[in-house]
Amino acid sequence: MIASKSSNGLLHNESEFQLLTYLKKKTYYAISFDGYINKWGKNDPDIVQQFGFIYRFIIVFTENGKWKKLFINPHLTIGMYFLRVLVGIVLLLNTK
């Protein structure tokens, strides 16, 4: 995945995946988390859901029948969760 800046934001090319580029993009997005949370309030139900561990790591991938794809493609499921953990580690390391 290649993400590059343009005058209109980030451009995405999902055909080529590069781990470091992916992690940098996630870090870029994370910079705006505080502003997003402050805008809506940390107790807003949508914010609580979006930033909740259970929702981000389980429910979002299993709701609306998506769990079937997890079982059909266990190798992709493992890879997806590996990326989620890496993103979490990168975000924790970049939190000041």
PDB file of N, CA and C in Angstrom:
ATOM      1  N   MET A   1       0.841  -1.154   0.000  1.00  0.00           N
ATOM      2  CA  MET A   1       0.000   0.000   0.000  1.00  0.00           C
ATOM      3  C   MET A   1       0.893   1.226   0.000  1.00  0.00           C
ATOM      4  N   ILE A   2       0.656   2.078  -0.923  1.00  0.00           N
ATOM      5  CA  ILE A   2       1.438   3.296  -1.012  1.00  0.00           C
ATOM      6  C   ILE A   2       0.506   4.457  -0.707  1.00  0.00           C
ATOM      7  N   ALA A   3       0.895   5.271   0.244  1.00  0.00           N
ATOM      8  CA  ALA A   3       0.128   6.476   0.564  1.00  0.00           C
ATOM      9  C   ALA A   3       1.047   7.659   0.353  1.00  0.00           C
ATOM     10  N   SER A   4       0.615   8.572  -0.461  1.00  0.00           N
ATOM     11  CA  SER A   4       1.412   9.767  -0.682  1.00  0.00           C
ATOM     12  C   SER A   4       0.512  10.982  -0.518  1.00  0.00           C
ATOM     13  N   LYS A   5       1.110  12.086  -0.109  1.00  0.00           N
ATOM     14  CA  LYS A   5       0.337  13.297   0.088  1.00  0.00           C
ATOM     15  C   LYS A   5       0.114  14.003  -1.241  1.00  0.00           C
ATOM     16  N   SER A   6      -1.051  14.555  -1.368  1.00  0.00           N
ATOM     17  CA  SER A   6      -1.359  15.424  -2.497  1.00  0.00           C
ATOM     18  C   SER A   6      -2.039  16.662  -1.922  1.00  0.00           C
ATOM     19  N   SER A   7      -2.400  17.586  -2.758  1.00  0.00           N
ATOM     20  CA  SER A   7      -3.074  18.785  -2.266  1.00  0.00           C
ATOM     21  C   SER A   7      -4.452  18.463  -1.697  1.00  0.00           C
ATOM     22  N   ASN A   8      -5.013  17.309  -2.060  1.00  0.00           N
ATOM     23  CA  ASN A   8      -6.336  16.913  -1.580  1.00  0.00           C
ATOM     24  C   ASN A   8      -6.279  15.893  -0.455  1.00  0.00           C
ATOM     25  N   GLY A   9      -5.118  15.577   0.091  1.00  0.00           N
ATOM     26  CA  GLY A   9      -5.023  14.599   1.169  1.00  0.00           C
ATOM     27  C   GLY A   9      -4.086  13.471   0.808  1.00  0.00           C
ATOM     28  N   LEU A  10      -4.415  12.272   1.254  1.00  0.00           N
ATOM     29  CA  LEU A  10      -3.598  11.094   0.983  1.00  0.00           C
ATOM     30  C   LEU A  10      -4.131  10.346  -0.224  1.00  0.00           C
ATOM     31  N   LEU A  11      -3.227   9.877  -1.049  1.00  0.00           N
ATOM     32  CA  LEU A  11      -3.589   9.004  -2.158  1.00  0.00           C
ATOM     33  C   LEU A  11      -3.292   7.576  -1.736  1.00  0.00           C
ATOM     34  N   HIS A  12      -4.140   6.652  -2.109  1.00  0.00           N
ATOM     35  CA  HIS A  12      -3.970   5.263  -1.695  1.00  0.00           C
ATOM     36  C   HIS A  12      -3.812   4.359  -2.913  1.00  0.00           C
ATOM     37  N   ASN A  13      -2.825   3.491  -2.858  1.00  0.00           N
ATOM     38  CA  ASN A  13      -2.627   2.467  -3.865  1.00  0.00           C
ATOM     39  C   ASN A  13      -2.556   1.152  -3.111  1.00  0.00           C
ATOM     40  N   GLU A  14      -3.658   0.416  -3.100  1.00  0.00           N
ATOM     41  CA  GLU A  14      -3.752  -0.806  -2.315  1.00  0.00           C
ATOM     42  C   GLU A  14      -3.133  -2.011  -3.026  1.00  0.00           C
ATOM     43  N   SER A  15      -2.671  -1.846  -4.254  1.00  0.00           N
ATOM     44  CA  SER A  15      -2.144  -2.995  -4.997  1.00  0.00           C
ATOM     45  C   SER A  15      -0.745  -3.403  -4.550  1.00  0.00           C
ATOM     46  N   GLU A  16      -0.011  -2.482  -3.953  1.00  0.00           N
ATOM     47  CA  GLU A  16       1.343  -2.781  -3.480  1.00  0.00           C
ATOM     48  C   GLU A  16       1.394  -2.501  -1.982  1.00  0.00           C
ATOM     49  N   PHE A  17       1.616  -3.538  -1.189  1.00  0.00           N
ATOM     50  CA  PHE A  17       1.644  -3.369   0.264  1.00  0.00           C
ATOM     51  C   PHE A  17       3.078  -3.250   0.740  1.00  0.00           C
ATOM     52  N   GLN A  18       3.355  -2.185   1.484  1.00  0.00           N
ATOM     53  CA  GLN A  18       4.659  -1.995   2.102  1.00  0.00           C
ATOM     54  C   GLN A  18       4.413  -1.714   3.583  1.00  0.00           C
ATOM     55  N   LEU A  19       4.944  -2.582   4.435  1.00  0.00           N
ATOM     56  CA  LEU A  19       4.654  -2.524   5.860  1.00  0.00           C
ATOM     57  C   LEU A  19       5.003  -1.171   6.479  1.00  0.00           C
ATOM     58  N   LEU A  20       6.189  -0.660   6.224  1.00  0.00           N
ATOM     59  CA  LEU A  20       6.579   0.610   6.836  1.00  0.00           C
ATOM     60  C   LEU A  20       5.695   1.766   6.372  1.00  0.00           C
ATOM     61  N   THR A  21       5.332   1.774   5.109  1.00  0.00           N
ATOM     62  CA  THR A  21       4.440   2.809   4.580  1.00  0.00           C
ATOM     63  C   THR A  21       3.071   2.712   5.248  1.00  0.00           C
ATOM     64  N   TYR A  22       2.588   1.500   5.419  1.00  0.00           N
ATOM     65  CA  TYR A  22       1.303   1.259   6.075  1.00  0.00           C
ATOM     66  C   TYR A  22       1.321   1.776   7.509  1.00  0.00           C
ATOM     67  N   LEU A  23       2.380   1.465   8.242  1.00  0.00           N
ATOM     68  CA  LEU A  23       2.481   1.903   9.633  1.00  0.00           C
ATOM     69  C   LEU A  23       2.622   3.421   9.732  1.00  0.00           C
ATOM     70  N   LYS A  24       3.342   4.024   8.790  1.00  0.00           N
ATOM     71  CA  LYS A  24       3.468   5.483   8.777  1.00  0.00           C
ATOM     72  C   LYS A  24       2.112   6.132   8.516  1.00  0.00           C
ATOM     73  N   LYS A  25       1.342   5.545   7.613  1.00  0.00           N
ATOM     74  CA  LYS A  25       0.024   6.088   7.307  1.00  0.00           C
ATOM     75  C   LYS A  25      -0.877   6.012   8.538  1.00  0.00           C
ATOM     76  N   LYS A  26      -0.846   4.906   9.250  1.00  0.00           N
ATOM     77  CA  LYS A  26      -1.659   4.758  10.457  1.00  0.00           C
ATOM     78  C   LYS A  26      -1.219   5.751  11.529  1.00  0.00           C
ATOM     79  N   THR A  27       0.072   5.996  11.627  1.00  0.00           N
ATOM     80  CA  THR A  27       0.586   6.980  12.582  1.00  0.00           C
ATOM     81  C   THR A  27       0.108   8.377  12.190  1.00  0.00           C
ATOM     82  N   TYR A  28       0.115   8.668  10.898  1.00  0.00           N
ATOM     83  CA  TYR A  28      -0.367   9.961  10.402  1.00  0.00           C
ATOM     84  C   TYR A  28      -1.822  10.175  10.805  1.00  0.00           C
ATOM     85  N   TYR A  29      -2.650   9.160  10.626  1.00  0.00           N
ATOM     86  CA  TYR A  29      -4.054   9.273  11.003  1.00  0.00           C
ATOM     87  C   TYR A  29      -4.214   9.434  12.513  1.00  0.00           C
ATOM     88  N   ALA A  30      -3.393   8.749  13.282  1.00  0.00           N
ATOM     89  CA  ALA A  30      -3.513   8.774  14.736  1.00  0.00           C
ATOM     90  C   ALA A  30      -3.242  10.157  15.322  1.00  0.00           C
ATOM     91  N   ILE A  31      -2.485  10.970  14.602  1.00  0.00           N
ATOM     92  CA  ILE A  31      -2.185  12.318  15.078  1.00  0.00           C
ATOM     93  C   ILE A  31      -3.474  13.107  15.309  1.00  0.00           C
ATOM     94  N   SER A  32      -4.492  12.840  14.514  1.00  0.00           N
ATOM     95  CA  SER A  32      -5.740  13.600  14.621  1.00  0.00           C
ATOM     96  C   SER A  32      -6.747  12.972  15.585  1.00  0.00           C
ATOM     97  N   PHE A  33      -6.405  11.871  16.250  1.00  0.00           N
ATOM     98  CA  PHE A  33      -7.345  11.216  17.161  1.00  0.00           C
ATOM     99  C   PHE A  33      -7.832  12.150  18.261  1.00  0.00           C
ATOM    100  N   ASP A  34      -6.922  12.870  18.902  1.00  0.00           N
ATOM    101  CA  ASP A  34      -7.314  13.743  20.011  1.00  0.00           C
ATOM    102  C   ASP A  34      -8.295  14.814  19.567  1.00  0.00           C
ATOM    103  N   GLY A  35      -8.041  15.417  18.439  1.00  0.00           N
ATOM    104  CA  GLY A  35      -8.952  16.434  17.919  1.00  0.00           C
ATOM    105  C   GLY A  35     -10.321  15.855  17.605  1.00  0.00           C
ATOM    106  N   TYR A  36     -10.331  14.664  17.044  1.00  0.00           N
ATOM    107  CA  TYR A  36     -11.579  13.974  16.705  1.00  0.00           C
ATOM    108  C   TYR A  36     -12.372  13.660  17.965  1.00  0.00           C
ATOM    109  N   ILE A  37     -11.690  13.138  18.972  1.00  0.00           N
ATOM    110  CA  ILE A  37     -12.350  12.802  20.235  1.00  0.00           C
ATOM    111  C   ILE A  37     -12.857  14.061  20.921  1.00  0.00           C
ATOM    112  N   ASN A  38     -12.046  15.118  20.938  1.00  0.00           N
ATOM    113  CA  ASN A  38     -12.471  16.377  21.559  1.00  0.00           C
ATOM    114  C   ASN A  38     -13.660  16.998  20.842  1.00  0.00           C
ATOM    115  N   LYS A  39     -13.696  16.860  19.525  1.00  0.00           N
ATOM    116  CA  LYS A  39     -14.796  17.429  18.746  1.00  0.00           C
ATOM    117  C   LYS A  39     -16.138  16.823  19.153  1.00  0.00           C
ATOM    118  N   TRP A  40     -16.169  15.500  19.316  1.00  0.00           N
ATOM    119  CA  TRP A  40     -17.424  14.808  19.594  1.00  0.00           C
ATOM    120  C   TRP A  40     -17.633  14.507  21.071  1.00  0.00           C
ATOM    121  N   GLY A  41     -16.557  14.553  21.849  1.00  0.00           N
ATOM    122  CA  GLY A  41     -16.648  14.242  23.282  1.00  0.00           C
ATOM    123  C   GLY A  41     -16.283  12.800  23.546  1.00  0.00           C
ATOM    124  N   LYS A  42     -15.475  12.591  24.574  1.00  0.00           N
ATOM    125  CA  LYS A  42     -14.989  11.233  24.834  1.00  0.00           C
ATOM    126  C   LYS A  42     -16.084  10.278  25.290  1.00  0.00           C
ATOM    127  N   ASN A  43     -17.244  10.807  25.691  1.00  0.00           N
ATOM    128  CA  ASN A  43     -18.346   9.946  26.122  1.00  0.00           C
ATOM    129  C   ASN A  43     -19.389   9.720  25.043  1.00  0.00           C
ATOM    130  N   ASP A  44     -19.163  10.268  23.864  1.00  0.00           N
ATOM    131  CA  ASP A  44     -20.074  10.045  22.749  1.00  0.00           C
ATOM    132  C   ASP A  44     -20.118   8.550  22.447  1.00  0.00           C
ATOM    133  N   PRO A  45     -21.311   7.972  22.296  1.00  0.00           N
ATOM    134  CA  PRO A  45     -21.407   6.516  22.060  1.00  0.00           C
ATOM    135  C   PRO A  45     -20.601   6.028  20.859  1.00  0.00           C
ATOM    136  N   ASP A  46     -20.582   6.807  19.787  1.00  0.00           N
ATOM    137  CA  ASP A  46     -19.809   6.392  18.609  1.00  0.00           C
ATOM    138  C   ASP A  46     -18.311   6.409  18.894  1.00  0.00           C
ATOM    139  N   ILE A  47     -17.848   7.421  19.625  1.00  0.00           N
ATOM    140  CA  ILE A  47     -16.427   7.509  19.973  1.00  0.00           C
ATOM    141  C   ILE A  47     -16.044   6.349  20.883  1.00  0.00           C
ATOM    142  N   VAL A  48     -16.875   6.082  21.871  1.00  0.00           N
ATOM    143  CA  VAL A  48     -16.601   4.974  22.798  1.00  0.00           C
ATOM    144  C   VAL A  48     -16.494   3.672  22.017  1.00  0.00           C
ATOM    145  N   GLN A  49     -17.408   3.474  21.070  1.00  0.00           N
ATOM    146  CA  GLN A  49     -17.378   2.254  20.261  1.00  0.00           C
ATOM    147  C   GLN A  49     -16.151   2.218  19.363  1.00  0.00           C
ATOM    148  N   GLN A  50     -15.892   3.292  18.639  1.00  0.00           N
ATOM    149  CA  GLN A  50     -14.789   3.318  17.679  1.00  0.00           C
ATOM    150  C   GLN A  50     -13.426   3.125  18.326  1.00  0.00           C
ATOM    151  N   PHE A  51     -13.259   3.620  19.526  1.00  0.00           N
ATOM    152  CA  PHE A  51     -11.956   3.535  20.182  1.00  0.00           C
ATOM    153  C   PHE A  51     -11.902   2.440  21.246  1.00  0.00           C
ATOM    154  N   GLY A  52     -12.967   1.665  21.357  1.00  0.00           N
ATOM    155  CA  GLY A  52     -12.982   0.566  22.319  1.00  0.00           C
ATOM    156  C   GLY A  52     -12.232  -0.644  21.791  1.00  0.00           C
ATOM    157  N   PHE A  53     -11.488  -1.296  22.661  1.00  0.00           N
ATOM    158  CA  PHE A  53     -10.671  -2.450  22.271  1.00  0.00           C
ATOM    159  C   PHE A  53     -11.518  -3.577  21.674  1.00  0.00           C
ATOM    160  N   ILE A  54     -12.605  -3.938  22.352  1.00  0.00           N
ATOM    161  CA  ILE A  54     -13.438  -5.064  21.904  1.00  0.00           C
ATOM    162  C   ILE A  54     -13.988  -4.794  20.511  1.00  0.00           C
ATOM    163  N   TYR A  55     -14.477  -3.588  20.298  1.00  0.00           N
ATOM    164  CA  TYR A  55     -15.022  -3.272  18.980  1.00  0.00           C
ATOM    165  C   TYR A  55     -13.930  -3.286  17.913  1.00  0.00           C
ATOM    166  N   ARG A  56     -12.795  -2.632  18.176  1.00  0.00           N
ATOM    167  CA  ARG A  56     -11.738  -2.496  17.174  1.00  0.00           C
ATOM    168  C   ARG A  56     -11.048  -3.807  16.825  1.00  0.00           C
ATOM    169  N   PHE A  57     -11.012  -4.728  17.780  1.00  0.00           N
ATOM    170  CA  PHE A  57     -10.277  -5.970  17.529  1.00  0.00           C
ATOM    171  C   PHE A  57     -11.170  -7.179  17.281  1.00  0.00           C
ATOM    172  N   ILE A  58     -12.448  -7.078  17.615  1.00  0.00           N
ATOM    173  CA  ILE A  58     -13.314  -8.255  17.443  1.00  0.00           C
ATOM    174  C   ILE A  58     -14.574  -7.923  16.657  1.00  0.00           C
ATOM    175  N   ILE A  59     -15.401  -7.049  17.202  1.00  0.00           N
ATOM    176  CA  ILE A  59     -16.731  -6.830  16.633  1.00  0.00           C
ATOM    177  C   ILE A  59     -16.682  -6.306  15.201  1.00  0.00           C
ATOM    178  N   VAL A  60     -15.818  -5.342  14.919  1.00  0.00           N
ATOM    179  CA  VAL A  60     -15.767  -4.766  13.573  1.00  0.00           C
ATOM    180  C   VAL A  60     -15.456  -5.826  12.507  1.00  0.00           C
ATOM    181  N   PHE A  61     -14.765  -6.878  12.899  1.00  0.00           N
ATOM    182  CA  PHE A  61     -14.402  -7.921  11.945  1.00  0.00           C
ATOM    183  C   PHE A  61     -15.393  -9.082  11.919  1.00  0.00           C
ATOM    184  N   THR A  62     -16.359  -9.074  12.840  1.00  0.00           N
ATOM    185  CA  THR A  62     -17.293 -10.197  12.905  1.00  0.00           C
ATOM    186  C   THR A  62     -18.741  -9.789  12.676  1.00  0.00           C
ATOM    187  N   GLU A  63     -19.056  -8.487  12.778  1.00  0.00           N
ATOM    188  CA  GLU A  63     -20.445  -8.053  12.618  1.00  0.00           C
ATOM    189  C   GLU A  63     -20.931  -8.277  11.193  1.00  0.00           C
ATOM    190  N   ASN A  64     -22.230  -8.363  11.059  1.00  0.00           N
ATOM    191  CA  ASN A  64     -22.888  -8.512   9.752  1.00  0.00           C
ATOM    192  C   ASN A  64     -22.376  -9.707   8.955  1.00  0.00           C
ATOM    193  N   GLY A  65     -22.072 -10.790   9.633  1.00  0.00           N
ATOM    194  CA  GLY A  65     -21.662 -12.013   8.949  1.00  0.00           C
ATOM    195  C   GLY A  65     -20.224 -12.044   8.463  1.00  0.00           C
ATOM    196  N   LYS A  66     -19.439 -11.015   8.789  1.00  0.00           N
ATOM    197  CA  LYS A  66     -18.040 -10.982   8.330  1.00  0.00           C
ATOM    198  C   LYS A  66     -17.205 -12.076   8.978  1.00  0.00           C
ATOM    199  N   TRP A  67     -17.692 -12.648  10.092  1.00  0.00           N
ATOM    200  CA  TRP A  67     -16.948 -13.704  10.779  1.00  0.00           C
ATOM    201  C   TRP A  67     -16.724 -14.899   9.859  1.00  0.00           C
ATOM    202  N   LYS A  68     -17.619 -15.112   8.905  1.00  0.00           N
ATOM    203  CA  LYS A  68     -17.481 -16.251   7.985  1.00  0.00           C
ATOM    204  C   LYS A  68     -16.188 -16.139   7.183  1.00  0.00           C
ATOM    205  N   LYS A  69     -15.856 -14.918   6.758  1.00  0.00           N
ATOM    206  CA  LYS A  69     -14.632 -14.710   5.993  1.00  0.00           C
ATOM    207  C   LYS A  69     -13.395 -14.992   6.839  1.00  0.00           C
ATOM    208  N   LEU A  70     -13.491 -14.719   8.147  1.00  0.00           N
ATOM    209  CA  LEU A  70     -12.364 -15.009   9.040  1.00  0.00           C
ATOM    210  C   LEU A  70     -12.083 -16.507   9.088  1.00  0.00           C
ATOM    211  N   PHE A  71     -13.147 -17.303   9.130  1.00  0.00           N
ATOM    212  CA  PHE A  71     -12.966 -18.748   9.200  1.00  0.00           C
ATOM    213  C   PHE A  71     -12.573 -19.367   7.857  1.00  0.00           C
ATOM    214  N   ILE A  72     -13.050 -18.790   6.781  1.00  0.00           N
ATOM    215  CA  ILE A  72     -12.727 -19.306   5.448  1.00  0.00           C
ATOM    216  C   ILE A  72     -11.265 -19.026   5.091  1.00  0.00           C
ATOM    217  N   ASN A  73     -10.726 -17.912   5.597  1.00  0.00           N
ATOM    218  CA  ASN A  73      -9.362 -17.489   5.270  1.00  0.00           C
ATOM    219  C   ASN A  73      -8.526 -17.301   6.536  1.00  0.00           C
ATOM    220  N   PRO A  74      -8.215 -18.379   7.249  1.00  0.00           N
ATOM    221  CA  PRO A  74      -7.499 -18.219   8.520  1.00  0.00           C
ATOM    222  C   PRO A  74      -6.122 -17.577   8.359  1.00  0.00           C
ATOM    223  N   HIS A  75      -5.450 -17.813   7.250  1.00  0.00           N
ATOM    224  CA  HIS A  75      -4.133 -17.203   7.049  1.00  0.00           C
ATOM    225  C   HIS A  75      -4.244 -15.683   6.920  1.00  0.00           C
ATOM    226  N   LEU A  76      -5.311 -15.203   6.271  1.00  0.00           N
ATOM    227  CA  LEU A  76      -5.526 -13.761   6.174  1.00  0.00           C
ATOM    228  C   LEU A  76      -5.952 -13.178   7.521  1.00  0.00           C
ATOM    229  N   THR A  77      -6.718 -13.952   8.272  1.00  0.00           N
ATOM    230  CA  THR A  77      -7.140 -13.514   9.611  1.00  0.00           C
ATOM    231  C   THR A  77      -5.929 -13.314  10.512  1.00  0.00           C
ATOM    232  N   ILE A  78      -5.011 -14.253  10.480  1.00  0.00           N
ATOM    233  CA  ILE A  78      -3.792 -14.139  11.294  1.00  0.00           C
ATOM    234  C   ILE A  78      -2.989 -12.916  10.857  1.00  0.00           C
ATOM    235  N   GLY A  79      -2.858 -12.718   9.567  1.00  0.00           N
ATOM    236  CA  GLY A  79      -2.133 -11.560   9.059  1.00  0.00           C
ATOM    237  C   GLY A  79      -2.792 -10.248   9.450  1.00  0.00           C
ATOM    238  N   MET A  80      -4.106 -10.221   9.393  1.00  0.00           N
ATOM    239  CA  MET A  80      -4.848  -9.015   9.760  1.00  0.00           C
ATOM    240  C   MET A  80      -4.624  -8.671  11.229  1.00  0.00           C
ATOM    241  N   TYR A  81      -4.728  -9.672  12.091  1.00  0.00           N
ATOM    242  CA  TYR A  81      -4.521  -9.412  13.520  1.00  0.00           C
ATOM    243  C   TYR A  81      -3.065  -9.069  13.816  1.00  0.00           C
ATOM    244  N   PHE A  82      -2.151  -9.631  13.078  1.00  0.00           N
ATOM    245  CA  PHE A  82      -0.741  -9.262  13.228  1.00  0.00           C
ATOM    246  C   PHE A  82      -0.557  -7.774  12.926  1.00  0.00           C
ATOM    247  N   LEU A  83      -1.169  -7.295  11.845  1.00  0.00           N
ATOM    248  CA  LEU A  83      -1.094  -5.871  11.503  1.00  0.00           C
ATOM    249  C   LEU A  83      -1.750  -5.006  12.570  1.00  0.00           C
ATOM    250  N   ARG A  84      -2.885  -5.442  13.108  1.00  0.00           N
ATOM    251  CA  ARG A  84      -3.568  -4.683  14.172  1.00  0.00           C
ATOM    252  C   ARG A  84      -2.654  -4.531  15.382  1.00  0.00           C
ATOM    253  N   VAL A  85      -1.966  -5.609  15.745  1.00  0.00           N
ATOM    254  CA  VAL A  85      -1.051  -5.561  16.895  1.00  0.00           C
ATOM    255  C   VAL A  85       0.119  -4.631  16.595  1.00  0.00           C
ATOM    256  N   LEU A  86       0.681  -4.727  15.393  1.00  0.00           N
ATOM    257  CA  LEU A  86       1.785  -3.826  15.021  1.00  0.00           C
ATOM    258  C   LEU A  86       1.356  -2.359  15.058  1.00  0.00           C
ATOM    259  N   VAL A  87       0.184  -2.073  14.543  1.00  0.00           N
ATOM    260  CA  VAL A  87      -0.317  -0.700  14.569  1.00  0.00           C
ATOM    261  C   VAL A  87      -0.465  -0.234  16.016  1.00  0.00           C
ATOM    262  N   GLY A  88      -0.993  -1.092  16.875  1.00  0.00           N
ATOM    263  CA  GLY A  88      -1.125  -0.743  18.287  1.00  0.00           C
ATOM    264  C   GLY A  88       0.212  -0.443  18.934  1.00  0.00           C
ATOM    265  N   ILE A  89       1.210  -1.254  18.629  1.00  0.00           N
ATOM    266  CA  ILE A  89       2.549  -1.037  19.183  1.00  0.00           C
ATOM    267  C   ILE A  89       3.122   0.282  18.692  1.00  0.00           C
ATOM    268  N   VAL A  90       2.995   0.548  17.400  1.00  0.00           N
ATOM    269  CA  VAL A  90       3.519   1.798  16.826  1.00  0.00           C
ATOM    270  C   VAL A  90       2.821   2.996  17.461  1.00  0.00           C
ATOM    271  N   LEU A  91       1.507   2.918  17.629  1.00  0.00           N
ATOM    272  CA  LEU A  91       0.786   4.032  18.223  1.00  0.00           C
ATOM    273  C   LEU A  91       1.187   4.241  19.682  1.00  0.00           C
ATOM    274  N   LEU A  92       1.388   3.163  20.413  1.00  0.00           N
ATOM    275  CA  LEU A  92       1.836   3.292  21.805  1.00  0.00           C
ATOM    276  C   LEU A  92       3.225   3.908  21.876  1.00  0.00           C
ATOM    277  N   LEU A  93       4.096   3.509  20.975  1.00  0.00           N
ATOM    278  CA  LEU A  93       5.464   4.053  20.977  1.00  0.00           C
ATOM    279  C   LEU A  93       5.486   5.528  20.589  1.00  0.00           C
ATOM    280  N   ASN A  94       4.508   5.964  19.787  1.00  0.00           N
ATOM    281  CA  ASN A  94       4.464   7.357  19.333  1.00  0.00           C
ATOM    282  C   ASN A  94       3.625   8.250  20.237  1.00  0.00           C
ATOM    283  N   THR A  95       2.999   7.671  21.240  1.00  0.00           N
ATOM    284  CA  THR A  95       2.206   8.474  22.179  1.00  0.00           C
ATOM    285  C   THR A  95       3.140   9.139  23.168  1.00  0.00           C
ATOM    286  N   LYS A  96       2.962  10.431  23.319  1.00  0.00           N
ATOM    287  CA  LYS A  96       3.858  11.177  24.212  1.00  0.00           C
ATOM    288  C   LYS A  96       3.133  11.684  25.405  1.00  0.00           C
TER     289      LYS A  96
END
